[in-house]
Amino acid sequence: MKRTIVLLAAVVAALGITTPAQASYSASLVVLGDSFASGTGAGDYQDGTAGNCWRSNNSYGEQVAARLRSEGRLGSFTNASCSGAATADMSVPFKDRPAQLDALKPDTTLVLLTIGTNDIDYASFGSTCVLSDCTGAPTEAILAKLPQMGGNVTALLTEIDRRSPNARIVVVGYGRQVSTSENPPGATLDPICGDGFLTTAERVEGNRVTDGIDATLRSAVTTARRQGAFATYASPFSRPETFDGHALCEAGTPFLRGFDALAEGQEGLEAVFHPNVLGQTALASLVRA
C-alpha cells in the first residue's frame, strides 16, 4: 500500500498537479554507488573524501538533493557513494567507511544508484585502450563478464528493496565516454583524442562495451522489477537531445574528463573518462526527468 502511495505521488508530480498530500511529502534520499555516483572528476569534494571516495558536491545525487531541499521536499539525505566500489563492496566497510547499504532505512523513500563497472574492471579496459590496444581479445574478455555483472546488480537491487521496501530505486547509467568515429575536423579536443591514443577501431570496440553495459543494467533492473523491487533505469542513451555530441572526442562541449585530469593539482588517473560538472548536471536532469 505504501509503495502504491509513493508511485501515485510520483505520477501526480510528473503531471504537475499539486495536492495536499504532495505539498507535505518529503523524500528520504540515499545515494549509493561508485565513482560516477560520488562525482569523481566533478570537483568541490567533501571534507575527507578527496583521494579516496571523491565525493563531490557537484555529483548528480547532491544536485538532486539540493533541488528537493530548495522545494522544501527533502526530509533526510545521506550520500554514501564511494569511488571504486563494486557490488560486492556495498555490504561491507570500504575505504575505512561504513558499508554503503547500512545507510538504508525502512523509511527511505528514494535511492539513487550507479554501480557495476568495477565488477568488470572497466577502468583497466579504458587504460588498455589509451595506452595499448583494446580491440579483439580485451573487448571480448570484458563483454564476457557482463552477464555476471548483471546478476550482481539484480541481487543488489533486491537487497536494497529488502532493506527499504518503500523506496523507489533509480539506477543511473554510465552512457558513452568517447565518440564512435574519428575526430571531427577543426574541433578543439582533449589531448586524449590525439594521435597514438584512441584509434577509430578502439572507439568502435569501446562503444560495443559501453552499449553492452547499458543493455546489461537495463536488463538487471527489469529482472529486479519482476522480483518485486521498485526500480527504474535512467539511461543517458534515452536522452540523446541532452547527451549526444558531448562525449570525449566529439564536437560539443565535453561532459567528461580526459587528460585534463592528469594536470598538476587535478585528481589524476581516477578522474579520466568520468563526468565533469556539466556531465553530472546532465545526469541530475536525467534523474529528475
Protein backbone atom coordinates (compact mmCIF):
# COMPACT_ATOMS: atom_id res chain seq x y z
CA MET A 1 0.00 0.00 0.00
CA LYS A 2 2.78 2.44 0.94
CA ARG A 3 4.57 1.68 -2.34
CA THR A 4 1.39 2.48 -4.24
CA ILE A 5 1.17 5.84 -2.49
CA VAL A 6 4.80 6.65 -3.36
CA LEU A 7 4.19 5.75 -7.02
CA LEU A 8 0.99 7.81 -7.13
CA ALA A 9 2.85 10.80 -5.71
CA ALA A 10 5.49 10.47 -8.43
CA VAL A 11 2.84 10.34 -11.16
CA VAL A 12 1.00 13.34 -9.72
CA ALA A 13 4.25 15.31 -9.57
CA ALA A 14 5.04 14.43 -13.18
CA LEU A 15 1.66 15.73 -14.26
CA GLY A 16 2.26 18.99 -12.44
CA ILE A 17 -0.72 18.55 -10.14
CA THR A 18 -0.40 19.85 -6.60
CA THR A 19 -2.30 18.04 -3.86
CA PRO A 20 -2.29 18.47 -0.06
CA ALA A 21 -0.51 15.12 0.23
CA GLN A 22 2.17 16.18 -2.25
CA ALA A 23 2.64 19.53 -0.56
CA SER A 24 3.50 17.79 2.72
CA TYR A 25 5.54 14.99 1.12
CA SER A 26 9.28 14.93 1.81
CA ALA A 27 11.79 12.47 0.44
CA SER A 28 14.19 10.39 2.48
CA LEU A 29 17.02 10.17 -0.08
CA VAL A 30 20.07 7.89 -0.08
CA VAL A 31 22.79 7.98 -2.77
CA LEU A 32 24.79 4.79 -3.30
CA GLY A 33 27.35 3.57 -5.79
CA ASP A 34 30.74 4.10 -7.37
CA SER A 35 32.75 7.00 -8.82
CA PHE A 36 30.02 8.08 -11.24
CA ALA A 37 27.67 8.44 -8.26
CA SER A 38 30.23 10.04 -5.95
CA GLY A 39 31.25 12.58 -8.57
CA THR A 40 34.90 11.73 -9.12
CA GLY A 41 36.13 14.34 -11.58
CA ALA A 42 33.50 16.96 -10.78
CA GLY A 43 35.47 18.92 -8.17
CA ASP A 44 34.35 20.57 -4.90
CA TYR A 45 34.97 17.42 -2.85
CA GLN A 46 33.54 16.98 0.60
CA ASP A 47 35.94 17.12 3.53
CA GLY A 48 38.00 13.97 3.91
CA THR A 49 36.88 12.37 0.63
CA ALA A 50 39.46 13.71 -1.86
CA GLY A 51 41.86 10.92 -2.71
CA ASN A 52 39.54 8.14 -1.54
CA CYS A 53 35.78 8.27 -2.13
CA TRP A 54 36.00 11.52 -4.16
CA ARG A 55 32.53 12.60 -3.03
CA SER A 56 31.68 15.81 -4.91
CA ASN A 57 29.12 18.44 -4.03
CA ASN A 58 28.56 18.66 -7.80
CA SER A 59 27.53 14.99 -8.16
CA TYR A 60 24.11 14.23 -9.59
CA GLY A 61 22.90 12.95 -6.22
CA GLU A 62 23.94 16.14 -4.43
CA GLN A 63 22.27 18.22 -7.15
CA VAL A 64 19.02 16.26 -6.88
CA ALA A 65 19.11 16.65 -3.10
CA ALA A 66 19.71 20.39 -3.42
CA ARG A 67 16.74 20.71 -5.77
CA LEU A 68 14.46 18.80 -3.39
CA ARG A 69 15.74 20.87 -0.48
CA SER A 70 15.02 24.14 -2.30
CA GLU A 71 11.47 22.92 -2.92
CA GLY A 72 11.00 22.01 0.74
CA ARG A 73 10.65 18.34 -0.19
CA LEU A 74 13.79 16.82 1.34
CA GLY A 75 13.20 15.14 4.67
CA SER A 76 16.60 13.46 5.05
CA PHE A 77 19.65 12.87 2.88
CA THR A 78 22.63 10.51 3.07
CA ASN A 79 25.33 10.28 0.43
CA ALA A 80 27.23 7.03 0.98
CA SER A 81 28.69 6.67 -2.54
CA CYS A 82 32.38 5.96 -2.93
CA SER A 83 34.76 5.81 -5.87
CA GLY A 84 35.98 2.32 -6.69
CA ALA A 85 33.04 0.46 -5.19
CA ALA A 86 31.82 -2.75 -6.83
CA THR A 87 28.58 -4.52 -5.96
CA ALA A 88 30.45 -6.77 -3.51
CA ASP A 89 31.71 -3.71 -1.62
CA MET A 90 28.25 -2.34 -0.87
CA SER A 91 27.56 -4.57 2.13
CA VAL A 92 30.97 -4.30 3.82
CA PRO A 93 33.15 -1.44 5.10
CA PHE A 94 35.03 0.09 2.17
CA LYS A 95 37.93 2.56 2.25
CA ASP A 96 37.56 2.83 6.02
CA ARG A 97 33.92 3.86 5.69
CA PRO A 98 30.77 2.04 6.81
CA ALA A 99 29.05 -0.31 4.42
CA GLN A 100 27.00 1.73 1.96
CA LEU A 101 23.91 -0.42 2.41
CA ASP A 102 23.87 0.48 6.11
CA ALA A 103 22.68 3.95 5.05
CA LEU A 104 19.35 2.43 4.03
CA LYS A 105 16.47 2.64 6.48
CA PRO A 106 12.95 1.18 6.46
CA ASP A 107 11.56 4.69 5.84
CA THR A 108 13.93 5.53 2.93
CA THR A 109 11.76 6.62 0.00
CA LEU A 110 14.29 7.31 -2.79
CA VAL A 111 17.59 5.63 -3.66
CA LEU A 112 19.89 6.86 -6.44
CA LEU A 113 22.47 4.30 -7.57
CA THR A 114 25.22 3.90 -10.16
CA ILE A 115 27.14 0.62 -9.92
CA GLY A 116 28.52 -2.22 -11.98
CA THR A 117 31.60 -1.25 -13.97
CA ASN A 118 34.04 -2.03 -11.16
CA ASP A 119 32.67 -5.58 -11.23
CA ILE A 120 34.17 -5.95 -14.71
CA ASP A 121 37.30 -3.80 -14.19
CA TYR A 122 36.15 -1.31 -16.80
CA ALA A 123 38.80 1.21 -15.72
CA SER A 124 41.60 -1.18 -16.70
CA PHE A 125 39.94 -1.75 -20.05
CA GLY A 126 39.90 2.01 -20.64
CA SER A 127 43.58 2.24 -19.76
CA THR A 128 44.33 -0.54 -22.25
CA CYS A 129 42.53 1.42 -24.96
CA VAL A 130 44.55 4.55 -24.24
CA LEU A 131 47.97 3.00 -23.63
CA SER A 132 47.91 -0.07 -25.83
CA ASP A 133 45.27 -1.78 -27.99
CA CYS A 134 41.91 -2.87 -26.60
CA THR A 135 40.49 -4.29 -29.82
CA GLY A 136 39.89 -8.01 -30.19
CA ALA A 137 40.62 -10.16 -27.13
CA PRO A 138 40.40 -7.40 -24.46
CA THR A 139 36.98 -6.35 -25.75
CA GLU A 140 35.69 -9.92 -25.92
CA ALA A 141 37.01 -10.61 -22.41
CA ILE A 142 35.15 -7.73 -20.82
CA LEU A 143 31.96 -8.44 -22.76
CA ALA A 144 32.06 -11.98 -21.37
CA LYS A 145 31.91 -10.55 -17.83
CA LEU A 146 28.66 -8.64 -18.40
CA PRO A 147 26.20 -11.44 -17.54
CA GLN A 148 27.80 -11.85 -14.11
CA MET A 149 27.69 -8.08 -13.60
CA GLY A 150 24.01 -8.08 -14.44
CA GLY A 151 23.30 -10.81 -11.92
CA ASN A 152 25.25 -8.91 -9.27
CA VAL A 153 23.28 -5.71 -9.88
CA THR A 154 19.94 -7.55 -9.78
CA ALA A 155 20.89 -9.13 -6.45
CA LEU A 156 21.92 -5.74 -5.09
CA LEU A 157 18.62 -4.18 -6.13
CA THR A 158 16.63 -6.90 -4.39
CA GLU A 159 18.72 -6.38 -1.25
CA ILE A 160 18.09 -2.63 -1.35
CA ASP A 161 14.39 -3.36 -1.73
CA ARG A 162 14.51 -5.72 1.24
CA ARG A 163 16.12 -3.10 3.46
CA SER A 164 13.99 -0.19 2.21
CA PRO A 165 10.74 -1.72 0.93
CA ASN A 166 9.06 1.67 0.39
CA ALA A 167 11.88 3.17 -1.66
CA ARG A 168 11.92 3.90 -5.35
CA ILE A 169 15.35 2.88 -6.69
CA VAL A 170 16.67 4.86 -9.66
CA VAL A 171 19.64 3.19 -11.34
CA VAL A 172 21.57 5.82 -13.29
CA GLY A 173 23.56 4.56 -16.29
CA TYR A 174 27.04 5.46 -17.47
CA GLY A 175 26.36 6.47 -21.06
CA ARG A 176 29.07 6.89 -23.69
CA GLN A 177 32.57 8.08 -22.81
CA VAL A 178 34.13 8.54 -26.27
CA SER A 179 32.94 9.12 -29.82
CA THR A 180 32.26 6.24 -32.17
CA SER A 181 34.24 7.72 -35.08
CA GLU A 182 37.26 9.79 -35.99
CA ASN A 183 37.81 13.26 -34.58
CA PRO A 184 35.57 15.95 -36.09
CA PRO A 185 37.59 18.32 -38.30
CA GLY A 186 38.55 21.60 -36.70
CA ALA A 187 37.21 20.80 -33.22
CA THR A 188 39.25 21.65 -30.13
CA LEU A 189 39.57 18.33 -28.32
CA ASP A 190 41.18 16.95 -25.19
CA PRO A 191 44.69 15.54 -25.76
CA ILE A 192 43.32 12.04 -25.10
CA CYS A 193 41.83 12.28 -28.60
CA GLY A 194 45.25 12.88 -30.22
CA ASP A 195 47.31 10.57 -32.36
CA GLY A 196 48.63 7.47 -30.63
CA PHE A 197 45.88 7.16 -28.05
CA LEU A 198 42.34 6.23 -29.15
CA THR A 199 42.15 4.83 -32.67
CA THR A 200 38.87 4.68 -34.57
CA ALA A 201 38.84 0.89 -34.19
CA GLU A 202 39.29 1.19 -30.43
CA ARG A 203 36.45 3.69 -30.22
CA VAL A 204 34.17 1.29 -32.05
CA GLU A 205 35.17 -1.60 -29.80
CA GLY A 206 34.94 0.54 -26.69
CA ASN A 207 31.43 1.55 -27.57
CA ARG A 208 30.47 -2.10 -28.02
CA VAL A 209 31.34 -2.41 -24.34
CA THR A 210 29.52 0.80 -23.45
CA ASP A 211 26.39 -0.40 -25.22
CA GLY A 212 26.71 -3.77 -23.52
CA ILE A 213 26.95 -2.17 -20.08
CA ASP A 214 23.84 -0.12 -20.76
CA ALA A 215 21.85 -3.13 -22.01
CA THR A 216 23.02 -5.21 -19.04
CA LEU A 217 21.94 -2.60 -16.49
CA ARG A 218 18.58 -2.21 -18.20
CA SER A 219 18.05 -5.97 -18.11
CA ALA A 220 19.15 -6.17 -14.46
CA VAL A 221 16.60 -3.53 -13.47
CA THR A 222 13.87 -5.31 -15.44
CA THR A 223 14.67 -8.60 -13.71
CA ALA A 224 14.69 -6.92 -10.29
CA ARG A 225 11.29 -5.38 -11.02
CA ARG A 226 9.93 -8.82 -11.84
CA GLN A 227 11.18 -9.93 -8.45
CA GLY A 228 9.28 -7.11 -6.76
CA ALA A 229 11.84 -4.31 -6.48
CA PHE A 230 10.50 -0.80 -7.21
CA ALA A 231 13.37 0.02 -9.59
CA THR A 232 13.74 2.31 -12.61
CA TYR A 233 16.58 2.63 -15.09
CA ALA A 234 17.69 6.12 -16.15
CA SER A 235 19.94 5.76 -19.18
CA PRO A 236 21.82 8.65 -20.81
CA PHE A 237 21.08 6.90 -24.12
CA SER A 238 17.39 7.63 -23.55
CA ARG A 239 18.03 11.39 -23.85
CA PRO A 240 20.11 11.97 -26.98
CA GLU A 241 18.99 15.60 -27.03
CA THR A 242 21.00 16.09 -23.81
CA PHE A 243 23.98 13.77 -24.17
CA ASP A 244 24.71 13.32 -27.88
CA GLY A 245 27.79 15.21 -29.06
CA HIS A 246 29.23 15.64 -25.57
CA ALA A 247 31.38 12.54 -25.18
CA LEU A 248 35.14 12.87 -25.44
CA CYS A 249 36.41 13.47 -28.99
CA GLU A 250 33.07 14.91 -30.14
CA ALA A 251 32.45 18.47 -31.30
CA GLY A 252 30.22 19.58 -28.42
CA THR A 253 31.42 20.78 -25.02
CA PRO A 254 32.61 17.59 -23.30
CA PHE A 255 30.69 16.19 -20.36
CA LEU A 256 33.67 14.06 -19.30
CA ARG A 257 37.23 14.46 -18.10
CA GLY A 258 40.12 13.41 -20.33
CA PHE A 259 43.83 14.02 -19.93
CA ASP A 260 42.98 17.36 -18.35
CA ALA A 261 42.51 15.33 -15.15
CA LEU A 262 46.24 14.48 -15.24
CA ALA A 263 47.39 18.09 -14.96
CA GLU A 264 49.15 19.26 -11.82
CA GLY A 265 46.71 19.80 -8.97
CA GLN A 266 43.96 17.73 -10.60
CA GLU A 267 42.53 14.40 -9.49
CA GLY A 268 44.75 12.21 -11.64
CA LEU A 269 44.04 8.96 -13.45
CA GLU A 270 40.95 8.16 -11.38
CA ALA A 271 39.02 11.02 -12.95
CA VAL A 272 39.75 10.20 -16.62
CA PHE A 273 36.58 9.16 -18.50
CA HIS A 274 34.44 10.49 -15.62
CA PRO A 275 31.75 13.19 -15.78
CA ASN A 276 32.79 16.76 -15.15
CA VAL A 277 30.41 19.30 -13.60
CA LEU A 278 28.43 19.62 -16.83
CA GLY A 279 28.18 15.85 -17.11
CA GLN A 280 26.95 15.48 -13.54
CA THR A 281 24.41 18.25 -14.12
CA ALA A 282 23.16 16.38 -17.19
CA LEU A 283 22.82 13.20 -15.11
CA ALA A 284 20.88 15.14 -12.48
CA SER A 285 18.48 16.36 -15.17
CA LEU A 286 18.14 12.75 -16.34
CA VAL A 287 17.15 11.66 -12.83
CA ARG A 288 14.61 14.44 -12.49
CA ALA A 289 13.14 13.57 -15.89
